[in-house]
Amino acid sequence: MNVKTKLSDCLRPLMLGALFLSTAASAAVQSIDKVVAIVDNDVVMQSQLDRRVHEVQQTIAKRGSAVPPASVLEQQVLERLIVENLQLQIGERSGIRITDEELNQAVGTIAQRNNMSIEQFRAALTRDGLSYDDAREQIRREMVISRVRQRRVAERIQVSEQEVKNFLASDLGKMQLSEEFHLANILIPTPESANSEAIQSAAKQADAIYQQLKQGADFSQLAIAKSASETALEGGDMGWRKAAQLPPPFDRLLSTMPVGDVTQPMRTPGGFIILKILDKRGGETQMRDEVHVRHILVKPSPIRDAAKTKALAESLYSRIEAGEDFGELAKNYSEDPGSALNGGDLNWIDPNALVPEFREVMAKTPQGQLSKPFQTQYGWHVLEVLGRRATDSTSQAREQQAMTVLRNRKYDEELQTWLRQIRDEAYVEIKLPGADQAVQ
């Protein structure tokens, strides 16, 4: 790991100036904010930590769970803020920017999905004691982080045709078509180079948590307080996962367990993990809609900012409307490596395999017509719907589904590895009272 300059010495004069105010009337000194962590070339402030702790408490309360005290949440929330900060710094160095137009569109989409207008969304935040400006800033941060992950993680994941064929021929490949699980997890981590003593300590901690769960302890509360998983602050909720997306032996074990049950702690590359089955679904083959669509994707880059990228997409739209060939323009301009050489053709695709923004525009576009330029986390798109059909599990559909499952599995593994890597390589000095004053 590269030796990084210790920022505390450089920042100390600024911190002292920011922490204290003096008045002419008296020599009293008042604290207004303080640094709780130094993270490479940036800092996390107490105000940021307090605000996020409050947001997490509001979310937990909405779920109907008992809200733990702030002291229990602080270290978990601070670790989340540190990892977010590192990703935001990567985004800054990579030139990733979220324009006001993009942010307004994202806020509008969130409000719409909750069946609210912007005014109603703002009022709902106020009722929850949250600031609309703070919510916008958090959405902006999440958009930057999403784009950083796409560049650093998702774009380097490759799934070969042979992997797809092997997967479909396997027992797991057949299983994933029939059942999926809504899961929550608790992760007790072990360092990559952990010695036997550290491994035994983690195993003992995981077993103690398992015994608490078997005695009726609340899984969500223990995840928030003890888990090192990225989903800890959501009570460990991982969402829905196919059996084939899970590493052995969880893939087969969960099918034999009832909803509400928890697994014993099991060793994984990242540590000891406990899973809880929140729900199950799936089974019979169902008819589903598929869409034959083609698109052109253009992305912002260090030499083409967001405004120029949008302008290029609008220009391509106008050229197609004027009669130029969609396929030729896709070959020449599209930056989607998976479809550009095919004239932008994505073939028949399950809409659920697409990001929400793309899926929504595609649903509103009549067959044989062109969409106006629109934006997703990948960049600016123009799409044309070539056909629609209802189909059962044809071989093509199964292959697409297998491709998605394998990519998701690789993405989950690669993301956790990458997050651990950037955290381990960063200079982090924690200044939160009562926390480990670790410096890396």
Protein backbone atom coordinates (compact mmCIF):
# COMPACT_ATOMS: atom_id res chain seq x y z
CA MET A 1 0.00 0.00 0.00
CA ASN A 2 1.33 3.46 -0.86
CA VAL A 3 2.29 5.61 2.09
CA LYS A 4 -0.15 8.50 2.27
CA THR A 5 0.47 11.89 3.86
CA LYS A 6 -1.12 12.15 7.28
CA LEU A 7 -3.76 14.81 6.80
CA SER A 8 -4.42 15.47 10.49
CA ASP A 9 -1.31 17.65 10.76
CA CYS A 10 -2.26 19.64 7.66
CA LEU A 11 -5.89 20.05 8.65
CA ARG A 12 -5.41 20.76 12.36
CA PRO A 13 -5.19 24.59 12.04
CA LEU A 14 -8.34 24.59 9.88
CA MET A 15 -10.13 22.27 12.30
CA LEU A 16 -9.31 24.48 15.25
CA GLY A 17 -10.58 27.52 13.38
CA ALA A 18 -13.79 25.74 12.44
CA LEU A 19 -14.42 24.25 15.87
CA PHE A 20 -14.37 27.42 17.91
CA LEU A 21 -15.99 30.85 17.81
CA SER A 22 -15.06 33.72 20.12
CA THR A 23 -17.08 36.86 20.69
CA ALA A 24 -16.01 40.33 21.72
CA ALA A 25 -18.43 40.20 24.61
CA SER A 26 -16.81 37.23 26.32
CA ALA A 27 -14.04 34.69 26.03
CA ALA A 28 -16.54 31.84 25.82
CA VAL A 29 -15.82 29.25 23.16
CA GLN A 30 -18.58 27.30 21.41
CA SER A 31 -18.24 24.09 19.39
CA ILE A 32 -20.06 24.21 16.04
CA ASP A 33 -18.90 21.04 14.28
CA LYS A 34 -16.01 18.65 14.32
CA VAL A 35 -14.23 16.08 12.22
CA VAL A 36 -15.11 12.47 13.12
CA ALA A 37 -12.96 10.81 10.43
CA ILE A 38 -10.20 11.75 8.03
CA VAL A 39 -10.60 9.78 4.80
CA ASP A 40 -7.73 10.13 2.32
CA ASN A 41 -8.10 13.70 1.01
CA ASP A 42 -11.44 14.45 2.65
CA VAL A 43 -13.17 14.37 6.03
CA VAL A 44 -16.43 13.20 7.57
CA MET A 45 -18.02 15.76 9.86
CA GLN A 46 -20.06 15.20 13.02
CA SER A 47 -23.00 16.97 11.37
CA GLN A 48 -22.95 14.45 8.50
CA LEU A 49 -22.84 11.56 10.94
CA ASP A 50 -25.67 12.97 13.07
CA ARG A 51 -27.85 13.59 10.03
CA ARG A 52 -27.34 10.08 8.66
CA VAL A 53 -27.92 8.46 12.06
CA HIS A 54 -31.21 10.35 12.26
CA GLU A 55 -32.20 9.15 8.77
CA VAL A 56 -31.39 5.55 9.68
CA GLN A 57 -33.42 5.83 12.89
CA GLN A 58 -36.38 7.14 10.88
CA THR A 59 -36.10 4.22 8.45
CA ILE A 60 -35.92 1.65 11.26
CA ALA A 61 -38.93 3.21 12.98
CA LYS A 62 -40.95 3.03 9.75
CA ARG A 63 -40.32 -0.72 9.60
CA GLY A 64 -41.88 -1.01 13.05
CA SER A 65 -38.66 -2.17 14.69
CA ALA A 66 -37.28 -0.90 17.96
CA VAL A 67 -34.90 2.01 17.27
CA PRO A 68 -31.47 1.45 18.81
CA PRO A 69 -29.75 4.38 20.54
CA ALA A 70 -27.52 6.65 18.48
CA SER A 71 -24.43 5.30 20.25
CA VAL A 72 -25.14 1.83 18.84
CA LEU A 73 -25.62 3.14 15.31
CA GLU A 74 -22.77 5.64 15.15
CA GLN A 75 -19.86 3.32 14.38
CA GLN A 76 -21.85 1.35 11.80
CA VAL A 77 -23.06 4.54 10.10
CA LEU A 78 -19.60 6.09 10.23
CA GLU A 79 -18.10 3.08 8.45
CA ARG A 80 -20.78 3.41 5.75
CA LEU A 81 -19.95 7.12 5.37
CA ILE A 82 -16.22 6.35 5.09
CA VAL A 83 -16.75 3.84 2.28
CA GLU A 84 -19.18 6.22 0.53
CA ASN A 85 -16.65 9.04 0.85
CA LEU A 86 -13.93 6.94 -0.78
CA GLN A 87 -16.22 6.18 -3.73
CA LEU A 88 -17.19 9.85 -4.05
CA GLN A 89 -13.51 10.81 -4.15
CA ILE A 90 -12.98 8.27 -6.94
CA GLY A 91 -15.94 9.83 -8.76
CA GLU A 92 -14.46 13.30 -8.34
CA ARG A 93 -11.09 12.19 -9.72
CA SER A 94 -12.85 10.44 -12.61
CA GLY A 95 -14.76 13.56 -13.59
CA ILE A 96 -18.20 12.16 -12.75
CA ARG A 97 -20.70 14.98 -12.33
CA ILE A 98 -24.45 15.00 -11.72
CA THR A 99 -26.14 17.98 -13.33
CA ASP A 100 -29.15 19.73 -11.79
CA GLU A 101 -31.27 18.39 -14.64
CA GLU A 102 -30.18 14.81 -13.92
CA LEU A 103 -30.79 15.25 -10.21
CA ASN A 104 -34.24 16.77 -10.76
CA GLN A 105 -35.14 13.86 -13.02
CA ALA A 106 -34.00 11.33 -10.41
CA VAL A 107 -35.95 13.06 -7.62
CA GLY A 108 -39.03 13.16 -9.85
CA THR A 109 -38.69 9.45 -10.61
CA ILE A 110 -38.45 8.58 -6.90
CA ALA A 111 -41.51 10.69 -6.13
CA GLN A 112 -43.44 9.11 -9.01
CA ARG A 113 -42.61 5.58 -7.87
CA ASN A 114 -44.07 6.48 -4.48
CA ASN A 115 -47.19 7.90 -6.20
CA MET A 116 -46.32 11.43 -5.09
CA SER A 117 -45.80 14.80 -6.69
CA ILE A 118 -42.61 16.70 -5.87
CA GLU A 119 -44.57 18.83 -3.38
CA GLN A 120 -45.98 15.73 -1.69
CA PHE A 121 -42.52 14.15 -1.61
CA ARG A 122 -41.11 17.28 0.03
CA ALA A 123 -43.95 17.29 2.58
CA ALA A 124 -43.38 13.59 3.36
CA LEU A 125 -39.72 14.27 4.07
CA THR A 126 -40.64 17.16 6.36
CA ARG A 127 -43.05 14.94 8.31
CA ASP A 128 -40.20 12.50 8.82
CA GLY A 129 -37.97 15.30 10.06
CA LEU A 130 -35.74 15.19 6.98
CA SER A 131 -34.58 18.11 4.88
CA TYR A 132 -35.48 18.16 1.17
CA ASP A 133 -32.07 19.65 0.37
CA ASP A 134 -30.35 16.89 2.38
CA ALA A 135 -32.41 14.27 0.54
CA ARG A 136 -31.40 15.74 -2.82
CA GLU A 137 -27.76 15.70 -1.78
CA GLN A 138 -28.00 12.05 -0.69
CA ILE A 139 -29.61 11.12 -4.03
CA ARG A 140 -26.80 12.94 -5.85
CA ARG A 141 -24.20 11.03 -3.82
CA GLU A 142 -25.88 7.71 -4.59
CA MET A 143 -25.98 8.53 -8.31
CA VAL A 144 -22.24 9.29 -8.30
CA ILE A 145 -21.50 6.09 -6.38
CA SER A 146 -23.64 4.06 -8.79
CA ARG A 147 -21.69 5.41 -11.78
CA VAL A 148 -18.35 4.79 -10.05
CA ARG A 149 -19.36 1.17 -9.45
CA GLN A 150 -20.46 0.75 -13.05
CA ARG A 151 -17.06 1.95 -14.25
CA ARG A 152 -14.90 0.15 -11.72
CA VAL A 153 -16.87 -3.07 -11.17
CA ALA A 154 -19.73 -3.82 -13.59
CA GLU A 155 -17.91 -3.01 -16.84
CA ARG A 156 -15.12 -5.51 -16.17
CA ILE A 157 -17.45 -8.45 -15.53
CA GLN A 158 -17.61 -10.86 -18.45
CA VAL A 159 -19.81 -13.94 -18.81
CA SER A 160 -18.95 -16.37 -21.62
CA GLU A 161 -21.40 -18.41 -23.69
CA GLN A 162 -19.84 -21.57 -22.26
CA GLU A 163 -20.52 -20.38 -18.71
CA VAL A 164 -24.15 -19.81 -19.65
CA LYS A 165 -24.45 -23.29 -21.19
CA ASN A 166 -22.77 -24.95 -18.21
CA PHE A 167 -25.04 -23.07 -15.83
CA LEU A 168 -28.24 -24.04 -17.65
CA ALA A 169 -27.17 -27.68 -17.70
CA SER A 170 -26.43 -27.71 -13.97
CA ASP A 171 -28.80 -28.57 -11.15
CA LEU A 172 -28.47 -25.01 -9.87
CA GLY A 173 -29.36 -23.61 -13.29
CA LYS A 174 -32.58 -25.59 -13.28
CA MET A 175 -33.27 -24.66 -9.66
CA GLN A 176 -32.97 -20.93 -10.24
CA LEU A 177 -35.89 -21.04 -12.68
CA SER A 178 -38.19 -22.31 -9.98
CA GLU A 179 -37.46 -20.60 -6.67
CA GLU A 180 -36.03 -17.43 -5.17
CA PHE A 181 -35.61 -16.11 -1.66
CA HIS A 182 -35.99 -12.78 0.11
CA LEU A 183 -32.96 -12.78 2.43
CA ALA A 184 -31.30 -10.83 5.18
CA ASN A 185 -27.74 -11.41 6.36
CA ILE A 186 -25.34 -10.78 9.21
CA LEU A 187 -21.63 -10.80 8.33
CA ILE A 188 -18.82 -11.11 10.87
CA PRO A 189 -15.74 -10.28 8.79
CA THR A 190 -12.29 -11.86 8.80
CA PRO A 191 -9.26 -10.09 7.26
CA GLU A 192 -7.84 -11.57 4.07
CA SER A 193 -4.66 -12.64 5.88
CA ALA A 194 -6.34 -13.57 9.16
CA ASN A 195 -4.49 -15.95 11.46
CA SER A 196 -6.20 -18.83 13.25
CA GLU A 197 -6.76 -16.74 16.38
CA ALA A 198 -8.64 -14.04 14.43
CA ILE A 199 -10.71 -16.67 12.62
CA GLN A 200 -11.64 -18.38 15.89
CA SER A 201 -12.59 -15.04 17.42
CA ALA A 202 -14.88 -14.23 14.48
CA ALA A 203 -16.40 -17.73 14.61
CA LYS A 204 -17.09 -17.33 18.32
CA GLN A 205 -18.75 -13.95 17.77
CA ALA A 206 -20.90 -15.35 14.93
CA ASP A 207 -21.97 -18.31 17.06
CA ALA A 208 -22.96 -16.02 19.93
CA ILE A 209 -25.15 -14.01 17.54
CA TYR A 210 -26.69 -17.24 16.20
CA GLN A 211 -27.57 -18.36 19.73
CA GLN A 212 -29.23 -14.98 20.39
CA LEU A 213 -31.29 -15.38 17.22
CA LYS A 214 -32.38 -18.90 18.20
CA GLN A 215 -33.54 -17.46 21.53
CA GLY A 216 -35.74 -14.91 19.74
CA ALA A 217 -33.49 -11.87 19.30
CA ASP A 218 -34.50 -9.46 16.52
CA PHE A 219 -32.43 -10.21 13.38
CA SER A 220 -32.70 -6.67 12.04
CA GLN A 221 -31.45 -5.13 15.29
CA LEU A 222 -28.47 -7.48 15.51
CA ALA A 223 -27.60 -6.79 11.85
CA ILE A 224 -27.63 -3.05 12.50
CA ALA A 225 -25.50 -3.36 15.63
CA LYS A 226 -23.09 -6.17 14.70
CA SER A 227 -22.95 -6.89 10.95
CA ALA A 228 -20.17 -5.69 8.64
CA SER A 229 -22.28 -6.29 5.53
CA GLU A 230 -23.04 -3.40 3.19
CA THR A 231 -26.74 -3.96 3.97
CA ALA A 232 -26.31 -3.80 7.75
CA LEU A 233 -28.14 -0.48 8.18
CA GLU A 234 -31.12 -1.92 6.30
CA GLY A 235 -31.37 -4.67 8.91
CA GLY A 236 -29.28 -6.90 6.65
CA ASP A 237 -32.00 -6.96 3.96
CA MET A 238 -30.44 -8.28 0.71
CA GLY A 239 -33.64 -8.27 -1.35
CA TRP A 240 -34.67 -11.21 -3.56
CA ARG A 241 -31.99 -13.68 -4.67
CA LYS A 242 -32.13 -16.77 -6.85
CA ALA A 243 -30.63 -19.90 -5.34
CA ALA A 244 -28.03 -19.89 -8.11
CA GLN A 245 -26.83 -16.45 -7.06
CA LEU A 246 -25.78 -17.80 -3.67
CA PRO A 247 -22.47 -19.51 -2.91
CA PRO A 248 -22.47 -23.15 -1.81
CA PRO A 249 -23.81 -24.53 0.48
CA PHE A 250 -26.50 -21.82 0.82
CA ASP A 251 -27.79 -22.52 -2.71
CA ARG A 252 -29.19 -25.93 -1.75
CA LEU A 253 -29.67 -25.43 1.99
CA LEU A 254 -32.27 -22.65 1.73
CA SER A 255 -34.67 -24.79 -0.30
CA THR A 256 -35.06 -27.10 2.69
CA MET A 257 -35.69 -24.31 5.23
CA PRO A 258 -38.99 -22.63 6.16
CA VAL A 259 -39.62 -18.88 5.90
CA GLY A 260 -38.40 -17.14 9.06
CA ASP A 261 -35.61 -19.62 9.79
CA VAL A 262 -31.92 -18.68 10.02
CA THR A 263 -28.84 -20.61 8.95
CA GLN A 264 -26.00 -21.52 11.24
CA PRO A 265 -22.89 -19.33 10.73
CA MET A 266 -20.93 -20.45 7.70
CA ARG A 267 -17.43 -19.48 6.58
CA THR A 268 -17.15 -17.49 3.33
CA PRO A 269 -14.17 -15.63 1.81
CA GLY A 270 -15.35 -12.45 3.54
CA GLY A 271 -16.02 -13.96 6.97
CA PHE A 272 -18.80 -15.80 8.79
CA ILE A 273 -22.31 -15.19 7.48
CA ILE A 274 -25.79 -15.94 8.85
CA LEU A 275 -28.80 -15.79 6.54
CA LYS A 276 -32.49 -15.41 7.39
CA ILE A 277 -35.27 -16.34 4.94
CA LEU A 278 -37.78 -13.49 4.97
CA ASP A 279 -39.92 -14.96 2.16
CA LYS A 280 -39.94 -17.39 -0.79
CA ARG A 281 -41.57 -17.26 -4.20
CA GLY A 282 -41.50 -18.83 -7.65
CA GLY A 283 -42.08 -22.27 -9.03
CA GLU A 284 -44.26 -22.63 -12.09
CA THR A 285 -43.26 -21.46 -15.54
CA GLN A 286 -45.14 -18.29 -16.41
CA MET A 287 -45.85 -16.41 -19.59
CA ARG A 288 -43.96 -13.15 -19.77
CA ASP A 289 -43.69 -10.19 -22.07
CA GLU A 290 -40.56 -9.67 -24.15
CA VAL A 291 -39.57 -6.68 -26.25
CA HIS A 292 -37.37 -6.58 -29.34
CA VAL A 293 -35.49 -3.30 -28.98
CA ARG A 294 -32.40 -1.56 -30.30
CA HIS A 295 -30.67 1.47 -28.88
CA ILE A 296 -27.79 3.89 -29.20
CA LEU A 297 -25.86 4.76 -26.02
CA VAL A 298 -23.48 7.71 -25.62
CA LYS A 299 -21.59 8.29 -22.37
CA PRO A 300 -20.00 11.33 -20.73
CA SER A 301 -16.22 11.24 -20.68
CA PRO A 302 -13.29 13.45 -19.62
CA ILE A 303 -13.40 15.08 -23.08
CA ARG A 304 -17.22 15.20 -23.40
CA ASP A 305 -19.21 16.58 -20.49
CA ALA A 306 -22.84 15.82 -19.65
CA ALA A 307 -24.22 18.72 -21.72
CA LYS A 308 -22.29 17.71 -24.86
CA THR A 309 -23.30 14.08 -24.39
CA LYS A 310 -26.97 15.05 -24.22
CA ALA A 311 -26.52 17.25 -27.31
CA LEU A 312 -24.98 14.33 -29.22
CA ALA A 313 -27.91 12.07 -28.31
CA GLU A 314 -30.36 14.74 -29.50
CA SER A 315 -28.42 15.14 -32.75
CA LEU A 316 -28.53 11.38 -33.40
CA TYR A 317 -32.27 11.36 -32.69
CA SER A 318 -32.81 14.17 -35.22
CA ARG A 319 -30.71 12.38 -37.86
CA ILE A 320 -32.73 9.16 -37.49
CA GLU A 321 -35.98 11.13 -37.66
CA ALA A 322 -34.66 12.74 -40.86
CA GLY A 323 -34.18 9.31 -42.46
CA GLU A 324 -30.65 8.16 -41.61
CA ASP A 325 -30.20 4.47 -40.86
CA PHE A 326 -30.48 3.63 -37.14
CA GLY A 327 -28.19 0.60 -37.41
CA GLU A 328 -25.38 2.49 -39.14
CA LEU A 329 -25.51 5.31 -36.61
CA ALA A 330 -25.43 2.75 -33.78
CA LYS A 331 -22.34 1.07 -35.26
CA ASN A 332 -20.58 4.43 -35.59
CA TYR A 333 -21.64 6.16 -32.37
CA SER A 334 -23.04 3.72 -29.79
CA GLU A 335 -20.80 3.07 -26.78
CA ASP A 336 -22.61 -0.09 -25.69
CA PRO A 337 -20.01 -2.76 -26.59
CA GLY A 338 -22.60 -5.53 -26.37
CA SER A 339 -24.88 -4.18 -29.09
CA ALA A 340 -23.06 -1.53 -31.15
CA LEU A 341 -21.67 -3.95 -33.74
CA ASN A 342 -25.19 -5.37 -34.19
CA GLY A 343 -26.59 -1.96 -35.03
CA GLY A 344 -27.69 -1.43 -31.43
CA ASP A 345 -29.92 -4.55 -31.47
CA LEU A 346 -30.56 -6.00 -28.00
CA ASN A 347 -32.72 -8.76 -29.53
CA TRP A 348 -35.73 -10.09 -27.60
CA ILE A 349 -35.25 -9.11 -23.97
CA ASP A 350 -37.13 -9.40 -20.69
CA PRO A 351 -37.88 -5.82 -19.52
CA ASN A 352 -37.09 -6.86 -15.94
CA ALA A 353 -33.45 -7.36 -16.96
CA LEU A 354 -33.16 -3.64 -17.73
CA VAL A 355 -32.60 -0.61 -15.49
CA PRO A 356 -35.88 1.11 -14.48
CA GLU A 357 -35.40 4.25 -16.61
CA PHE A 358 -34.80 2.22 -19.77
CA ARG A 359 -37.68 -0.11 -18.98
CA GLU A 360 -40.12 2.78 -18.40
CA VAL A 361 -39.26 4.58 -21.65
CA MET A 362 -39.42 1.32 -23.58
CA ALA A 363 -42.89 0.57 -22.14
CA LYS A 364 -44.20 3.98 -23.26
CA THR A 365 -42.74 3.79 -26.79
CA PRO A 366 -45.14 2.30 -29.39
CA GLN A 367 -43.92 -0.51 -31.61
CA GLY A 368 -42.09 0.79 -34.68
CA GLN A 369 -41.41 4.19 -33.14
CA LEU A 370 -38.38 5.99 -31.78
CA SER A 371 -38.04 7.34 -28.25
CA LYS A 372 -36.77 10.82 -27.55
CA PRO A 373 -33.30 10.89 -25.93
CA PHE A 374 -33.38 9.88 -22.26
CA GLN A 375 -30.86 9.27 -19.53
CA THR A 376 -29.94 6.30 -17.32
CA GLN A 377 -26.97 5.63 -15.04
CA TYR A 378 -25.05 4.46 -18.14
CA GLY A 379 -25.46 7.65 -20.21
CA TRP A 380 -27.90 8.98 -22.84
CA HIS A 381 -29.98 6.62 -24.98
CA VAL A 382 -32.19 6.65 -28.04
CA LEU A 383 -34.22 3.46 -28.50
CA GLU A 384 -36.57 1.95 -31.07
CA VAL A 385 -39.11 -0.75 -30.25
CA LEU A 386 -39.11 -3.34 -33.06
CA GLY A 387 -41.64 -5.79 -31.61
CA ARG A 388 -43.44 -7.19 -28.56
CA ARG A 389 -44.47 -10.73 -27.69
CA ALA A 390 -45.63 -12.95 -24.84
CA THR A 391 -43.54 -16.07 -24.37
CA ASP A 392 -42.86 -18.87 -21.97
CA SER A 393 -39.35 -20.00 -20.98
CA THR A 394 -37.87 -20.38 -24.42
CA SER A 395 -34.20 -21.25 -24.75
CA GLN A 396 -33.41 -17.65 -25.63
CA ALA A 397 -35.20 -16.37 -22.55
CA ARG A 398 -33.46 -18.91 -20.32
CA GLU A 399 -30.07 -17.92 -21.69
CA GLN A 400 -30.80 -14.25 -21.03
CA GLN A 401 -31.96 -15.07 -17.53
CA ALA A 402 -28.86 -17.19 -16.91
CA MET A 403 -26.66 -14.37 -18.19
CA THR A 404 -28.31 -11.93 -15.75
CA VAL A 405 -27.96 -14.31 -12.81
CA LEU A 406 -24.29 -15.00 -13.53
CA ARG A 407 -23.51 -11.32 -13.97
CA ASN A 408 -25.30 -10.48 -10.71
CA ARG A 409 -23.41 -13.20 -8.88
CA LYS A 410 -20.07 -11.99 -10.22
CA TYR A 411 -21.04 -8.38 -9.53
CA ASP A 412 -21.89 -9.07 -5.87
CA GLU A 413 -18.60 -10.88 -5.34
CA GLU A 414 -16.55 -8.30 -7.23
CA LEU A 415 -18.24 -5.38 -5.50
CA GLN A 416 -17.52 -6.68 -1.99
CA THR A 417 -13.91 -7.41 -2.95
CA TRP A 418 -13.49 -3.95 -4.49
CA LEU A 419 -15.08 -2.15 -1.53
CA ARG A 420 -12.80 -4.02 0.88
CA GLN A 421 -9.80 -3.21 -1.32
CA ILE A 422 -10.42 0.54 -1.48
CA ARG A 423 -11.11 0.60 2.28
CA ASP A 424 -7.92 -1.32 3.09
CA GLU A 425 -5.78 0.87 0.82
CA ALA A 426 -7.16 4.17 2.12
CA TYR A 427 -5.74 6.37 4.84
CA VAL A 428 -8.48 6.51 7.48
CA GLU A 429 -8.19 8.12 10.92
CA ILE A 430 -11.29 7.82 13.09
CA LYS A 431 -11.80 10.59 15.64
CA LEU A 432 -15.22 9.55 16.96
CA PRO A 433 -15.11 9.39 20.77
CA GLY A 434 -15.31 5.82 21.98
CA ALA A 435 -14.45 4.30 18.59
CA ASP A 436 -11.27 2.47 17.71
CA GLN A 437 -8.76 5.13 16.72
CA ALA A 438 -7.56 3.00 13.81
CA VAL A 439 -5.23 4.49 11.24
CA GLN A 440 -4.67 2.74 7.90
